[in-house]
Amino acid sequence: MATSVRLIKKYPNRRLYDTQTSTYITLADVKQLVLEQENFKVIDAKSNDDLTRQILLQIILEEEAGGVPMFSAPMLSHVIRFYGNAMQGMMGSYLEKNIQAFIDIQGKLQEQSKTFYETNKIGPEMWTQFVNMQAPMIQSMMSSYIEQSKEVFVQMQENMQKQARSMFTSFPGFTGDKK
């Protein structure tokens, strides 16, 4: 059964109109739709261009500006450098899969935590202490995962270079280094 996509129209005056509720909404309302995992699409009211990514990026920009940012300046610089790079498509996929892996890990931890909390019937204060004690372990697990992912990626890159080198050696005038 296909889920319907909630349609939001963006008008030239920058206002967002939710066609489901027949009301104007704010970026905060769109953020709430994201948090509620509502399936939606934002389109330009005149051209019908899909503006969903732009609106989501606007929400991220607002979140980054107010409070503790998730993205450091060096990290954003690295991401920008991938635009126009041969690896741009792979980078987007790589980031998406790593975020999904993080979400999956978080979901399993929440599920296990809920079971533990309900089984042991501990108070909220003790539960908060327990969760805070787990943070270093979780960070360590994520660091190990990222290091392993990095090693696999480097190995893949080396294999691609070897394949390219062996493929292009038959071309006249190719002067690639023979490692």
Foldseek 3Di string as FASTA:
>chain_A
DDDDAFEWEQEPVRWIAGPVVRGTDDLVVVVVCVVVVHHYWYAYPPPRHTCRVVSVVVNLVVVCVPDPHPDDPVRVVVLVVLVVPPCNVVVVVVVVVLVVVVVVVVVVVVVVLVVVCVVVVDDPVVSVVVVVVCVVVVVVVSVVVVVVVVVVVVVVVVVVVVVVCVVCVVPPPDDDDDD
